[in-house]
Amino acid sequence: MDGPSGSGKSSASRGVARALGLRYLDTGAMYRAMTWWMLQQGVDLADSEAIAARAGEPEITSGTDPDAPSIHVDGVDVAGPIREVEVTGAVSVVAAVPEVRSRLVALQRKIIGAGDIVVEGRDIASVVAPEATVKVYLTASAEARAQRRSAELAGSTVEAQQAAMARRDTLDSTRKTDPLSVAAGAIELDTTALNLEEVIAEVLSLVAERNGRDPSYERA
């Protein structure tokens, strides 16, 4: 499941994984974890070569329980720190470095393994797992995305979030390596007018249809 920030990927992906009894992977958290580590190490994030030189050092471990997703760097729980403003403002820069993407894509593919997992990010269907049975691209209006993100962050305004998201969208969609895009075969789902339960229901129906089952089947 791909899409820009604020489109509802995380909540929807976890809900779908929970309903189907599957594992769940937040690849964005992995890039945030890498960014957090770089900041902790004092790496100059304006220097892509410096980032590339150290991309192989941190040990990043992602849990796959949709009810309690976890992320650790060198054994340290960073689930909270990676959501802070400093990391959020820098993650697109770090994620654009080819060596970072190569390292983390390899880790993501290892976790995905034989499948039975719901994975969310920005290049899952296009790069990480192009053979995925169901590919979904979530999107929403800029205002809806900003409102959602503002509601999650204390003291943040819709205007500030809309500006920040516009900047990140540009960085993510124009980077040379694995840019954000709608993958071939992906179904685009606009979540602007949908609540979380409705988004989850739509995705579950897509999964059922792709698997040749009645979309109204009883969900777990």
N, C-alpha and C. Protein backbone atom coordinates (compact mmCIF):
# COMPACT_ATOMS: atom_id res chain seq x y z
N MET A 1 0.84 -1.17 0.00
CA MET A 1 0.00 0.00 0.00
C MET A 1 0.89 1.24 0.00
N ASP A 2 0.80 2.01 -1.08
CA ASP A 2 1.63 3.20 -1.21
C ASP A 2 0.78 4.46 -1.16
N GLY A 3 1.47 5.60 -1.06
CA GLY A 3 0.77 6.87 -1.07
C GLY A 3 1.51 7.91 -0.27
N PRO A 4 1.15 9.17 -0.42
CA PRO A 4 1.82 10.25 0.30
C PRO A 4 1.42 10.29 1.77
N SER A 5 2.15 11.07 2.57
CA SER A 5 1.83 11.20 3.99
C SER A 5 0.45 11.81 4.16
N GLY A 6 -0.28 11.34 5.18
CA GLY A 6 -1.60 11.87 5.45
C GLY A 6 -2.71 11.22 4.65
N SER A 7 -2.38 10.25 3.82
CA SER A 7 -3.40 9.60 3.00
C SER A 7 -4.12 8.49 3.76
N GLY A 8 -3.59 8.13 4.93
CA GLY A 8 -4.22 7.11 5.76
C GLY A 8 -3.61 5.73 5.64
N LYS A 9 -2.40 5.64 5.09
CA LYS A 9 -1.76 4.34 4.86
C LYS A 9 -1.56 3.54 6.14
N SER A 10 -1.03 4.18 7.15
CA SER A 10 -0.67 3.44 8.37
C SER A 10 -1.88 2.81 9.04
N SER A 11 -2.88 3.62 9.33
CA SER A 11 -4.07 3.11 10.01
C SER A 11 -4.79 2.07 9.16
N ALA A 12 -4.90 2.35 7.86
CA ALA A 12 -5.59 1.41 6.98
C ALA A 12 -4.82 0.10 6.85
N SER A 13 -3.52 0.18 6.69
CA SER A 13 -2.70 -1.03 6.55
C SER A 13 -2.78 -1.90 7.79
N ARG A 14 -2.71 -1.27 8.95
CA ARG A 14 -2.80 -2.03 10.20
C ARG A 14 -4.18 -2.67 10.33
N GLY A 15 -5.22 -1.92 9.96
CA GLY A 15 -6.57 -2.46 10.05
C GLY A 15 -6.79 -3.64 9.12
N VAL A 16 -6.25 -3.54 7.91
CA VAL A 16 -6.38 -4.63 6.94
C VAL A 16 -5.61 -5.86 7.42
N ALA A 17 -4.39 -5.64 7.91
CA ALA A 17 -3.58 -6.76 8.41
C ALA A 17 -4.27 -7.45 9.58
N ARG A 18 -4.84 -6.64 10.46
CA ARG A 18 -5.53 -7.19 11.63
C ARG A 18 -6.75 -8.01 11.19
N ALA A 19 -7.51 -7.49 10.23
CA ALA A 19 -8.72 -8.17 9.77
C ALA A 19 -8.41 -9.50 9.09
N LEU A 20 -7.28 -9.55 8.39
CA LEU A 20 -6.93 -10.75 7.63
C LEU A 20 -5.96 -11.67 8.38
N GLY A 21 -5.56 -11.26 9.57
CA GLY A 21 -4.64 -12.09 10.33
C GLY A 21 -3.25 -12.15 9.72
N LEU A 22 -2.82 -11.05 9.12
CA LEU A 22 -1.52 -11.00 8.46
C LEU A 22 -0.53 -10.15 9.25
N ARG A 23 0.73 -10.27 8.88
CA ARG A 23 1.76 -9.41 9.46
C ARG A 23 1.66 -8.01 8.84
N TYR A 24 2.35 -7.05 9.44
CA TYR A 24 2.29 -5.66 8.99
C TYR A 24 3.68 -5.04 9.05
N LEU A 25 4.03 -4.28 8.01
CA LEU A 25 5.34 -3.62 8.00
C LEU A 25 5.19 -2.16 7.57
N ASP A 26 5.70 -1.27 8.41
CA ASP A 26 5.72 0.17 8.12
C ASP A 26 7.13 0.51 7.64
N THR A 27 7.30 0.59 6.33
CA THR A 27 8.65 0.86 5.80
C THR A 27 9.07 2.30 6.05
N GLY A 28 8.09 3.20 6.18
CA GLY A 28 8.42 4.58 6.47
C GLY A 28 9.13 4.72 7.80
N ALA A 29 8.74 3.88 8.76
CA ALA A 29 9.38 3.91 10.07
C ALA A 29 10.86 3.53 9.96
N MET A 30 11.18 2.68 9.00
CA MET A 30 12.57 2.27 8.81
C MET A 30 13.41 3.44 8.31
N TYR A 31 12.84 4.22 7.39
CA TYR A 31 13.57 5.41 6.90
C TYR A 31 13.68 6.46 7.99
N ARG A 32 12.66 6.57 8.80
CA ARG A 32 12.71 7.50 9.93
C ARG A 32 13.78 7.05 10.95
N ALA A 33 13.86 5.73 11.16
CA ALA A 33 14.85 5.20 12.08
C ALA A 33 16.27 5.49 11.59
N MET A 34 16.47 5.32 10.29
CA MET A 34 17.78 5.64 9.71
C MET A 34 18.09 7.13 9.88
N THR A 35 17.09 7.97 9.67
CA THR A 35 17.27 9.42 9.81
C THR A 35 17.59 9.78 11.26
N TRP A 36 16.85 9.18 12.19
CA TRP A 36 17.11 9.42 13.62
C TRP A 36 18.54 9.07 13.96
N TRP A 37 19.01 7.93 13.48
CA TRP A 37 20.38 7.49 13.78
C TRP A 37 21.41 8.47 13.20
N MET A 38 21.19 8.92 11.99
CA MET A 38 22.10 9.88 11.37
C MET A 38 22.18 11.16 12.18
N LEU A 39 21.04 11.62 12.66
CA LEU A 39 21.02 12.83 13.47
C LEU A 39 21.75 12.61 14.80
N GLN A 40 21.53 11.45 15.40
CA GLN A 40 22.20 11.13 16.66
C GLN A 40 23.72 11.06 16.49
N GLN A 41 24.14 10.62 15.31
CA GLN A 41 25.57 10.48 15.04
C GLN A 41 26.21 11.79 14.56
N GLY A 42 25.39 12.81 14.38
CA GLY A 42 25.92 14.09 13.94
C GLY A 42 26.33 14.13 12.48
N VAL A 43 25.77 13.25 11.68
CA VAL A 43 26.07 13.23 10.25
C VAL A 43 25.48 14.47 9.58
N ASP A 44 26.22 15.10 8.71
CA ASP A 44 25.76 16.27 7.97
C ASP A 44 24.75 15.82 6.91
N LEU A 45 23.49 16.13 7.13
CA LEU A 45 22.46 15.64 6.21
C LEU A 45 22.44 16.41 4.90
N ALA A 46 23.23 17.46 4.81
CA ALA A 46 23.36 18.18 3.54
C ALA A 46 24.39 17.51 2.65
N ASP A 47 25.09 16.52 3.21
CA ASP A 47 26.16 15.82 2.50
C ASP A 47 25.70 14.39 2.20
N SER A 48 25.20 14.15 1.00
CA SER A 48 24.69 12.83 0.65
C SER A 48 25.77 11.76 0.70
N GLU A 49 27.01 12.14 0.41
CA GLU A 49 28.10 11.16 0.46
C GLU A 49 28.36 10.72 1.90
N ALA A 50 28.21 11.64 2.83
CA ALA A 50 28.41 11.30 4.24
C ALA A 50 27.31 10.35 4.71
N ILE A 51 26.09 10.59 4.27
CA ILE A 51 24.98 9.71 4.61
C ILE A 51 25.21 8.32 4.01
N ALA A 52 25.60 8.30 2.75
CA ALA A 52 25.84 7.03 2.06
C ALA A 52 26.93 6.21 2.74
N ALA A 53 27.97 6.90 3.20
CA ALA A 53 29.11 6.21 3.81
C ALA A 53 28.74 5.48 5.10
N ARG A 54 27.68 5.93 5.76
CA ARG A 54 27.33 5.34 7.05
C ARG A 54 26.00 4.58 7.04
N ALA A 55 25.40 4.48 5.89
CA ALA A 55 24.08 3.85 5.78
C ALA A 55 24.07 2.38 6.20
N GLY A 56 25.21 1.74 6.15
CA GLY A 56 25.27 0.33 6.49
C GLY A 56 25.51 0.05 7.96
N GLU A 57 25.70 1.09 8.77
CA GLU A 57 26.09 0.89 10.17
C GLU A 57 24.96 0.53 11.14
N PRO A 58 23.85 1.28 11.16
CA PRO A 58 22.84 0.99 12.18
C PRO A 58 22.12 -0.33 11.96
N GLU A 59 21.80 -1.01 13.05
CA GLU A 59 21.01 -2.24 12.99
C GLU A 59 19.55 -1.85 13.23
N ILE A 60 18.74 -1.97 12.20
CA ILE A 60 17.34 -1.56 12.28
C ILE A 60 16.46 -2.79 12.30
N THR A 61 15.62 -2.89 13.32
CA THR A 61 14.75 -4.05 13.49
C THR A 61 13.29 -3.60 13.55
N SER A 62 12.46 -4.17 12.68
CA SER A 62 11.05 -3.81 12.63
C SER A 62 10.17 -4.97 13.06
N GLY A 63 9.27 -4.69 14.00
CA GLY A 63 8.30 -5.70 14.41
C GLY A 63 7.17 -5.73 13.41
N THR A 64 6.43 -6.84 13.31
CA THR A 64 5.39 -6.97 12.29
C THR A 64 4.01 -7.29 12.88
N ASP A 65 3.82 -6.98 14.16
CA ASP A 65 2.52 -7.20 14.80
C ASP A 65 1.66 -5.96 14.57
N PRO A 66 0.55 -6.06 13.82
CA PRO A 66 -0.27 -4.87 13.55
C PRO A 66 -0.87 -4.25 14.80
N ASP A 67 -0.98 -5.02 15.88
CA ASP A 67 -1.52 -4.48 17.12
C ASP A 67 -0.46 -3.75 17.94
N ALA A 68 0.80 -4.06 17.68
CA ALA A 68 1.87 -3.42 18.44
C ALA A 68 3.13 -3.34 17.59
N PRO A 69 3.10 -2.56 16.49
CA PRO A 69 4.28 -2.43 15.63
C PRO A 69 5.43 -1.79 16.40
N SER A 70 6.63 -2.26 16.13
CA SER A 70 7.79 -1.73 16.85
C SER A 70 8.93 -1.43 15.89
N ILE A 71 9.83 -0.57 16.34
CA ILE A 71 11.01 -0.24 15.54
C ILE A 71 12.16 0.05 16.49
N HIS A 72 13.27 -0.63 16.30
CA HIS A 72 14.46 -0.47 17.14
C HIS A 72 15.69 -0.17 16.29
N VAL A 73 16.58 0.62 16.85
CA VAL A 73 17.87 0.90 16.22
C VAL A 73 18.96 0.53 17.21
N ASP A 74 19.79 -0.42 16.84
CA ASP A 74 20.84 -0.91 17.73
C ASP A 74 20.28 -1.28 19.10
N GLY A 75 19.09 -1.89 19.09
CA GLY A 75 18.47 -2.35 20.33
C GLY A 75 17.69 -1.31 21.08
N VAL A 76 17.67 -0.07 20.60
CA VAL A 76 16.97 1.01 21.28
C VAL A 76 15.60 1.22 20.65
N ASP A 77 14.56 1.28 21.48
CA ASP A 77 13.20 1.53 21.00
C ASP A 77 13.09 2.99 20.56
N VAL A 78 12.85 3.21 19.27
CA VAL A 78 12.79 4.58 18.76
C VAL A 78 11.42 4.93 18.20
N ALA A 79 10.40 4.18 18.59
CA ALA A 79 9.05 4.42 18.06
C ALA A 79 8.58 5.84 18.32
N GLY A 80 8.95 6.39 19.47
CA GLY A 80 8.57 7.76 19.79
C GLY A 80 9.45 8.79 19.11
N PRO A 81 10.76 8.72 19.30
CA PRO A 81 11.68 9.70 18.72
C PRO A 81 11.59 9.88 17.22
N ILE A 82 11.28 8.81 16.48
CA ILE A 82 11.27 8.95 15.01
C ILE A 82 10.08 9.76 14.51
N ARG A 83 9.13 10.06 15.39
CA ARG A 83 7.96 10.85 14.99
C ARG A 83 8.12 12.32 15.35
N GLU A 84 9.25 12.68 15.92
CA GLU A 84 9.47 14.06 16.31
C GLU A 84 9.76 14.94 15.10
N VAL A 85 9.58 16.26 15.29
CA VAL A 85 9.67 17.22 14.20
C VAL A 85 11.00 17.17 13.46
N GLU A 86 12.10 17.02 14.18
CA GLU A 86 13.41 17.04 13.55
C GLU A 86 13.55 15.89 12.55
N VAL A 87 13.11 14.72 12.92
CA VAL A 87 13.19 13.56 12.03
C VAL A 87 12.23 13.73 10.85
N THR A 88 11.02 14.17 11.14
CA THR A 88 10.02 14.37 10.08
C THR A 88 10.53 15.33 9.01
N GLY A 89 11.21 16.38 9.44
CA GLY A 89 11.71 17.37 8.49
C GLY A 89 12.90 16.91 7.67
N ALA A 90 13.56 15.85 8.12
CA ALA A 90 14.79 15.41 7.45
C ALA A 90 14.67 14.08 6.74
N VAL A 91 13.61 13.33 6.99
CA VAL A 91 13.55 11.96 6.48
C VAL A 91 13.56 11.87 4.96
N SER A 92 12.92 12.81 4.27
CA SER A 92 12.91 12.74 2.80
C SER A 92 14.29 12.92 2.21
N VAL A 93 15.13 13.73 2.87
CA VAL A 93 16.49 13.95 2.40
C VAL A 93 17.31 12.67 2.54
N VAL A 94 17.21 12.04 3.71
CA VAL A 94 17.95 10.80 3.95
C VAL A 94 17.43 9.69 3.04
N ALA A 95 16.11 9.60 2.89
CA ALA A 95 15.50 8.54 2.09
C ALA A 95 15.84 8.65 0.61
N ALA A 96 16.29 9.82 0.17
CA ALA A 96 16.61 10.00 -1.24
C ALA A 96 18.00 9.47 -1.60
N VAL A 97 18.81 9.15 -0.61
CA VAL A 97 20.17 8.67 -0.87
C VAL A 97 20.12 7.21 -1.33
N PRO A 98 20.62 6.90 -2.52
CA PRO A 98 20.53 5.55 -3.08
C PRO A 98 21.03 4.44 -2.15
N GLU A 99 22.12 4.71 -1.44
CA GLU A 99 22.69 3.68 -0.55
C GLU A 99 21.74 3.38 0.61
N VAL A 100 21.02 4.38 1.06
CA VAL A 100 20.04 4.18 2.13
C VAL A 100 18.89 3.32 1.60
N ARG A 101 18.40 3.65 0.43
CA ARG A 101 17.28 2.90 -0.14
C ARG A 101 17.68 1.47 -0.43
N SER A 102 18.87 1.26 -0.96
CA SER A 102 19.34 -0.09 -1.26
C SER A 102 19.40 -0.93 0.01
N ARG A 103 19.94 -0.36 1.08
CA ARG A 103 20.06 -1.08 2.35
C ARG A 103 18.68 -1.43 2.90
N LEU A 104 17.79 -0.47 2.94
CA LEU A 104 16.49 -0.71 3.56
C LEU A 104 15.56 -1.55 2.69
N VAL A 105 15.64 -1.41 1.39
CA VAL A 105 14.83 -2.27 0.51
C VAL A 105 15.22 -3.73 0.70
N ALA A 106 16.51 -3.99 0.85
CA ALA A 106 16.97 -5.36 1.09
C ALA A 106 16.40 -5.90 2.41
N LEU A 107 16.38 -5.06 3.45
CA LEU A 107 15.82 -5.46 4.74
C LEU A 107 14.32 -5.71 4.62
N GLN A 108 13.65 -4.84 3.88
CA GLN A 108 12.20 -4.97 3.70
C GLN A 108 11.85 -6.27 2.97
N ARG A 109 12.59 -6.57 1.93
CA ARG A 109 12.32 -7.80 1.18
C ARG A 109 12.57 -9.03 2.04
N LYS A 110 13.55 -8.95 2.92
CA LYS A 110 13.84 -10.08 3.82
C LYS A 110 12.68 -10.29 4.78
N ILE A 111 12.12 -9.20 5.30
CA ILE A 111 10.98 -9.30 6.21
C ILE A 111 9.75 -9.83 5.48
N ILE A 112 9.52 -9.34 4.27
CA ILE A 112 8.36 -9.76 3.49
C ILE A 112 8.41 -11.26 3.21
N GLY A 113 9.59 -11.75 2.85
CA GLY A 113 9.76 -13.17 2.63
C GLY A 113 8.77 -13.74 1.63
N ALA A 114 8.06 -14.78 2.05
CA ALA A 114 7.11 -15.45 1.15
C ALA A 114 5.76 -14.75 1.09
N GLY A 115 5.60 -13.68 1.87
CA GLY A 115 4.34 -12.94 1.81
C GLY A 115 3.54 -13.00 3.08
N ASP A 116 2.20 -13.06 2.95
CA ASP A 116 1.29 -13.02 4.10
C ASP A 116 1.56 -11.81 4.97
N ILE A 117 1.61 -10.65 4.32
CA ILE A 117 1.95 -9.42 5.03
C ILE A 117 1.37 -8.22 4.30
N VAL A 118 1.00 -7.21 5.05
CA VAL A 118 0.55 -5.94 4.48
C VAL A 118 1.68 -4.94 4.70
N VAL A 119 2.16 -4.37 3.60
CA VAL A 119 3.32 -3.46 3.67
C VAL A 119 2.91 -2.08 3.19
N GLU A 120 3.30 -1.07 3.92
CA GLU A 120 2.99 0.30 3.51
C GLU A 120 4.26 1.11 3.30
N GLY A 121 4.19 2.05 2.34
CA GLY A 121 5.33 2.90 2.07
C GLY A 121 5.09 3.81 0.89
N ARG A 122 6.15 4.06 0.14
CA ARG A 122 6.05 4.92 -1.03
C ARG A 122 6.53 4.25 -2.31
N ASP A 123 7.19 3.11 -2.18
CA ASP A 123 7.69 2.42 -3.38
C ASP A 123 7.50 0.91 -3.26
N ILE A 124 6.51 0.48 -2.50
CA ILE A 124 6.32 -0.95 -2.26
C ILE A 124 5.91 -1.67 -3.54
N ALA A 125 4.84 -1.17 -4.18
CA ALA A 125 4.34 -1.84 -5.39
C ALA A 125 5.22 -1.61 -6.60
N SER A 126 5.99 -0.54 -6.60
CA SER A 126 6.82 -0.22 -7.76
C SER A 126 8.22 -0.80 -7.67
N VAL A 127 8.75 -0.95 -6.45
CA VAL A 127 10.14 -1.38 -6.29
C VAL A 127 10.31 -2.56 -5.35
N VAL A 128 9.81 -2.43 -4.13
CA VAL A 128 10.08 -3.43 -3.10
C VAL A 128 9.43 -4.78 -3.41
N ALA A 129 8.14 -4.75 -3.75
CA ALA A 129 7.42 -6.00 -4.01
C ALA A 129 6.49 -5.84 -5.20
N PRO A 130 7.04 -5.65 -6.39
CA PRO A 130 6.19 -5.45 -7.58
C PRO A 130 5.32 -6.65 -7.93
N GLU A 131 5.63 -7.81 -7.34
CA GLU A 131 4.85 -9.02 -7.60
C GLU A 131 3.69 -9.17 -6.62
N ALA A 132 3.45 -8.19 -5.78
CA ALA A 132 2.39 -8.26 -4.78
C ALA A 132 1.04 -8.58 -5.41
N THR A 133 0.25 -9.40 -4.75
CA THR A 133 -1.05 -9.81 -5.27
C THR A 133 -2.00 -8.62 -5.39
N VAL A 134 -2.00 -7.75 -4.38
CA VAL A 134 -2.87 -6.57 -4.37
C VAL A 134 -2.01 -5.33 -4.17
N LYS A 135 -2.14 -4.37 -5.09
CA LYS A 135 -1.39 -3.13 -5.00
C LYS A 135 -2.39 -1.98 -4.89
N VAL A 136 -2.27 -1.20 -3.83
CA VAL A 136 -3.18 -0.10 -3.60
C VAL A 136 -2.39 1.19 -3.42
N TYR A 137 -2.85 2.26 -4.07
CA TYR A 137 -2.24 3.58 -3.90
C TYR A 137 -3.29 4.47 -3.26
N LEU A 138 -3.07 4.83 -2.00
CA LEU A 138 -4.00 5.70 -1.29
C LEU A 138 -3.63 7.16 -1.53
N THR A 139 -4.65 7.97 -1.74
CA THR A 139 -4.42 9.40 -1.90
C THR A 139 -5.57 10.14 -1.24
N ALA A 140 -5.45 11.45 -1.14
CA ALA A 140 -6.50 12.29 -0.58
C ALA A 140 -6.16 13.73 -0.95
N SER A 141 -7.12 14.62 -0.80
CA SER A 141 -6.86 16.02 -1.12
C SER A 141 -5.81 16.57 -0.17
N ALA A 142 -5.11 17.61 -0.60
CA ALA A 142 -4.07 18.22 0.22
C ALA A 142 -4.64 18.71 1.54
N GLU A 143 -5.83 19.29 1.50
CA GLU A 143 -6.45 19.81 2.72
C GLU A 143 -6.81 18.69 3.69
N ALA A 144 -7.37 17.60 3.17
CA ALA A 144 -7.75 16.48 4.03
C ALA A 144 -6.53 15.85 4.68
N ARG A 145 -5.48 15.71 3.91
CA ARG A 145 -4.25 15.13 4.45
C ARG A 145 -3.67 16.01 5.54
N ALA A 146 -3.67 17.32 5.32
CA ALA A 146 -3.13 18.26 6.30
C ALA A 146 -3.98 18.28 7.56
N GLN A 147 -5.28 18.20 7.42
CA GLN A 147 -6.16 18.18 8.58
C GLN A 147 -5.91 16.94 9.44
N ARG A 148 -5.74 15.81 8.78
CA ARG A 148 -5.49 14.57 9.51
C ARG A 148 -4.17 14.64 10.28
N ARG A 149 -3.14 15.10 9.63
CA ARG A 149 -1.83 15.16 10.27
C ARG A 149 -1.82 16.21 11.39
N SER A 150 -2.50 17.33 11.17
CA SER A 150 -2.57 18.37 12.19
C SER A 150 -3.26 17.86 13.45
N ALA A 151 -4.30 17.04 13.26
CA ALA A 151 -5.04 16.49 14.38
C ALA A 151 -4.18 15.54 15.21
N GLU A 152 -3.17 14.94 14.58
CA GLU A 152 -2.29 13.99 15.26
C GLU A 152 -1.19 14.68 16.06
N LEU A 153 -0.87 15.93 15.67
CA LEU A 153 0.27 16.63 16.26
C LEU A 153 -0.19 17.84 17.06
N ALA A 154 0.06 17.81 18.35
CA ALA A 154 -0.33 18.92 19.22
C ALA A 154 0.38 20.21 18.82
N GLY A 155 -0.38 21.30 18.75
CA GLY A 155 0.22 22.59 18.45
C GLY A 155 0.46 22.85 16.99
N SER A 156 0.11 21.90 16.14
CA SER A 156 0.32 22.08 14.70
C SER A 156 -0.93 22.66 14.05
N THR A 157 -0.73 23.42 12.97
CA THR A 157 -1.86 23.99 12.25
C THR A 157 -2.02 23.30 10.90
N VAL A 158 -3.22 23.39 10.36
CA VAL A 158 -3.48 22.79 9.05
C VAL A 158 -2.60 23.43 8.00
N GLU A 159 -2.44 24.76 8.09
CA GLU A 159 -1.63 25.49 7.10
C GLU A 159 -0.18 25.03 7.13
N ALA A 160 0.36 24.87 8.35
CA ALA A 160 1.75 24.45 8.48
C ALA A 160 1.95 23.05 7.94
N GLN A 161 1.00 22.17 8.21
CA GLN A 161 1.10 20.80 7.73
C GLN A 161 0.95 20.71 6.22
N GLN A 162 0.09 21.55 5.67
CA GLN A 162 -0.10 21.53 4.22
C GLN A 162 1.17 21.96 3.51
N ALA A 163 1.85 22.97 4.06
CA ALA A 163 3.11 23.44 3.48
C ALA A 163 4.19 22.37 3.60
N ALA A 164 4.26 21.73 4.77
CA ALA A 164 5.28 20.70 5.00
C ALA A 164 5.04 19.50 4.08
N MET A 165 3.78 19.12 3.90
CA MET A 165 3.47 17.98 3.05
C MET A 165 3.76 18.28 1.59
N ALA A 166 3.49 19.51 1.17
CA ALA A 166 3.77 19.88 -0.21
C ALA A 166 5.26 19.77 -0.49
N ARG A 167 6.07 20.19 0.48
CA ARG A 167 7.53 20.10 0.33
C ARG A 167 7.96 18.64 0.27
N ARG A 168 7.41 17.81 1.15
CA ARG A 168 7.80 16.40 1.17
C ARG A 168 7.32 15.68 -0.07
N ASP A 169 6.11 16.00 -0.54
CA ASP A 169 5.60 15.38 -1.77
C ASP A 169 6.54 15.64 -2.94
N THR A 170 7.03 16.88 -3.01
CA THR A 170 7.93 17.25 -4.10
C THR A 170 9.23 16.46 -4.01
N LEU A 171 9.78 16.38 -2.81
CA LEU A 171 11.03 15.64 -2.62
C LEU A 171 10.85 14.16 -2.94
N ASP A 172 9.75 13.57 -2.46
CA ASP A 172 9.53 12.14 -2.64
C ASP A 172 9.24 11.77 -4.09
N SER A 173 8.54 12.65 -4.80
CA SER A 173 8.13 12.31 -6.17
C SER A 173 9.17 12.69 -7.22
N THR A 174 10.17 13.47 -6.84
CA THR A 174 11.17 13.90 -7.81
C THR A 174 12.56 13.33 -7.56
N ARG A 175 12.73 12.54 -6.49
CA ARG A 175 14.04 11.97 -6.23
C ARG A 175 14.41 11.02 -7.37
N LYS A 176 15.69 10.88 -7.63
CA LYS A 176 16.15 10.06 -8.74
C LYS A 176 15.96 8.57 -8.49
N THR A 177 16.09 8.16 -7.24
CA THR A 177 15.99 6.74 -6.91
C THR A 177 14.62 6.42 -6.32
N ASP A 178 13.87 5.53 -6.97
CA ASP A 178 12.59 5.03 -6.48
C ASP A 178 11.62 6.14 -6.07
N PRO A 179 11.26 7.03 -6.98
CA PRO A 179 10.35 8.11 -6.62
C PRO A 179 8.93 7.60 -6.33
N LEU A 180 8.20 8.38 -5.53
CA LEU A 180 6.81 8.06 -5.25
C LEU A 180 6.00 8.12 -6.53
N SER A 181 5.27 7.06 -6.83
CA SER A 181 4.47 7.02 -8.05
C SER A 181 3.41 5.94 -7.93
N VAL A 182 2.42 6.00 -8.81
CA VAL A 182 1.39 4.96 -8.84
C VAL A 182 1.94 3.81 -9.69
N ALA A 183 2.16 2.68 -9.06
CA ALA A 183 2.77 1.54 -9.75
C ALA A 183 1.82 0.93 -10.78
N ALA A 184 2.41 0.30 -11.78
CA ALA A 184 1.61 -0.41 -12.79
C ALA A 184 0.76 -1.47 -12.09
N GLY A 185 -0.51 -1.48 -12.40
CA GLY A 185 -1.40 -2.48 -11.81
C GLY A 185 -1.98 -2.09 -10.46
N ALA A 186 -1.56 -0.95 -9.93
CA ALA A 186 -2.07 -0.51 -8.63
C ALA A 186 -3.45 0.12 -8.78
N ILE A 187 -4.29 -0.05 -7.79
CA ILE A 187 -5.61 0.55 -7.76
C ILE A 187 -5.54 1.81 -6.91
N GLU A 188 -5.89 2.94 -7.50
CA GLU A 188 -5.82 4.21 -6.78
C GLU A 188 -7.12 4.43 -6.01
N LEU A 189 -7.00 4.70 -4.73
CA LEU A 189 -8.15 4.88 -3.86
C LEU A 189 -8.08 6.24 -3.18
N ASP A 190 -9.01 7.13 -3.50
CA ASP A 190 -9.07 8.46 -2.91
C ASP A 190 -9.82 8.37 -1.59
N THR A 191 -9.14 8.69 -0.49
CA THR A 191 -9.73 8.55 0.84
C THR A 191 -10.28 9.85 1.40
N THR A 192 -10.33 10.90 0.59
CA THR A 192 -10.75 12.22 1.07
C THR A 192 -12.08 12.16 1.82
N ALA A 193 -13.06 11.52 1.22
CA ALA A 193 -14.41 11.50 1.80
C ALA A 193 -14.71 10.23 2.59
N LEU A 194 -13.69 9.42 2.84
CA LEU A 194 -13.90 8.15 3.54
C LEU A 194 -13.34 8.18 4.95
N ASN A 195 -14.03 7.52 5.89
CA ASN A 195 -13.45 7.36 7.21
C ASN A 195 -12.59 6.09 7.22
N LEU A 196 -11.91 5.85 8.31
CA LEU A 196 -10.98 4.72 8.37
C LEU A 196 -11.67 3.39 8.10
N GLU A 197 -12.82 3.18 8.71
CA GLU A 197 -13.52 1.91 8.53
C GLU A 197 -13.89 1.69 7.07
N GLU A 198 -14.27 2.76 6.39
CA GLU A 198 -14.64 2.65 4.98
C GLU A 198 -13.43 2.34 4.10
N VAL A 199 -12.29 2.94 4.43
CA VAL A 199 -11.07 2.66 3.66
C VAL A 199 -10.68 1.20 3.83
N ILE A 200 -10.71 0.72 5.06
CA ILE A 200 -10.36 -0.67 5.33
C ILE A 200 -11.31 -1.61 4.57
N ALA A 201 -12.60 -1.28 4.59
CA ALA A 201 -13.58 -2.12 3.90
C ALA A 201 -13.31 -2.15 2.40
N GLU A 202 -12.95 -1.02 1.83
CA GLU A 202 -12.65 -0.96 0.39
C GLU A 202 -11.46 -1.84 0.05
N VAL A 203 -10.42 -1.76 0.87
CA VAL A 203 -9.22 -2.55 0.59
C VAL A 203 -9.51 -4.04 0.78
N LEU A 204 -10.26 -4.39 1.81
CA LEU A 204 -10.62 -5.80 2.02
C LEU A 204 -11.41 -6.34 0.84
N SER A 205 -12.27 -5.51 0.27
CA SER A 205 -13.04 -5.94 -0.89
C SER A 205 -12.12 -6.19 -2.08
N LEU A 206 -11.12 -5.34 -2.25
CA LEU A 206 -10.15 -5.52 -3.33
C LEU A 206 -9.38 -6.83 -3.15
N VAL A 207 -8.99 -7.10 -1.91
CA VAL A 207 -8.27 -8.33 -1.62
C VAL A 207 -9.14 -9.54 -1.95
N ALA A 208 -10.40 -9.48 -1.53
CA ALA A 208 -11.32 -10.60 -1.79
C ALA A 208 -11.51 -10.81 -3.28
N GLU A 209 -11.67 -9.73 -4.02
CA GLU A 209 -11.88 -9.84 -5.46
C GLU A 209 -10.65 -10.42 -6.16
N ARG A 210 -9.48 -9.97 -5.76
CA ARG A 210 -8.24 -10.48 -6.38
C ARG A 210 -8.03 -11.95 -6.06
N ASN A 211 -8.54 -12.38 -4.92
CA ASN A 211 -8.38 -13.78 -4.52
C ASN A 211 -9.55 -14.64 -4.98
N GLY A 212 -10.46 -14.03 -5.77
CA GLY A 212 -11.57 -14.79 -6.31
C GLY A 212 -12.62 -15.14 -5.29
N ARG A 213 -12.76 -14.28 -4.26
CA ARG A 213 -13.76 -14.55 -3.23
C ARG A 213 -14.83 -13.48 -3.27
N ASP A 214 -15.95 -13.77 -2.64
CA ASP A 214 -17.06 -12.82 -2.54
C ASP A 214 -16.60 -11.64 -1.68
N PRO A 215 -16.65 -10.40 -2.17
CA PRO A 215 -16.23 -9.24 -1.37
C PRO A 215 -16.96 -9.09 -0.07
N SER A 216 -18.13 -9.71 0.07
CA SER A 216 -18.89 -9.57 1.30
C SER A 216 -18.58 -10.67 2.32
N TYR A 217 -17.46 -11.39 2.08
CA TYR A 217 -17.14 -12.50 2.97
C TYR A 217 -16.96 -12.01 4.41
N GLU A 218 -17.17 -12.89 5.33
CA GLU A 218 -17.05 -12.52 6.74
C GLU A 218 -15.60 -12.27 7.08
N ARG A 219 -15.34 -11.12 7.65
CA ARG A 219 -13.97 -10.73 7.96
C ARG A 219 -13.59 -11.12 9.38
N ALA A 220 -12.30 -11.32 9.57
CA ALA A 220 -11.84 -11.72 10.91
C ALA A 220 -11.99 -10.56 11.87
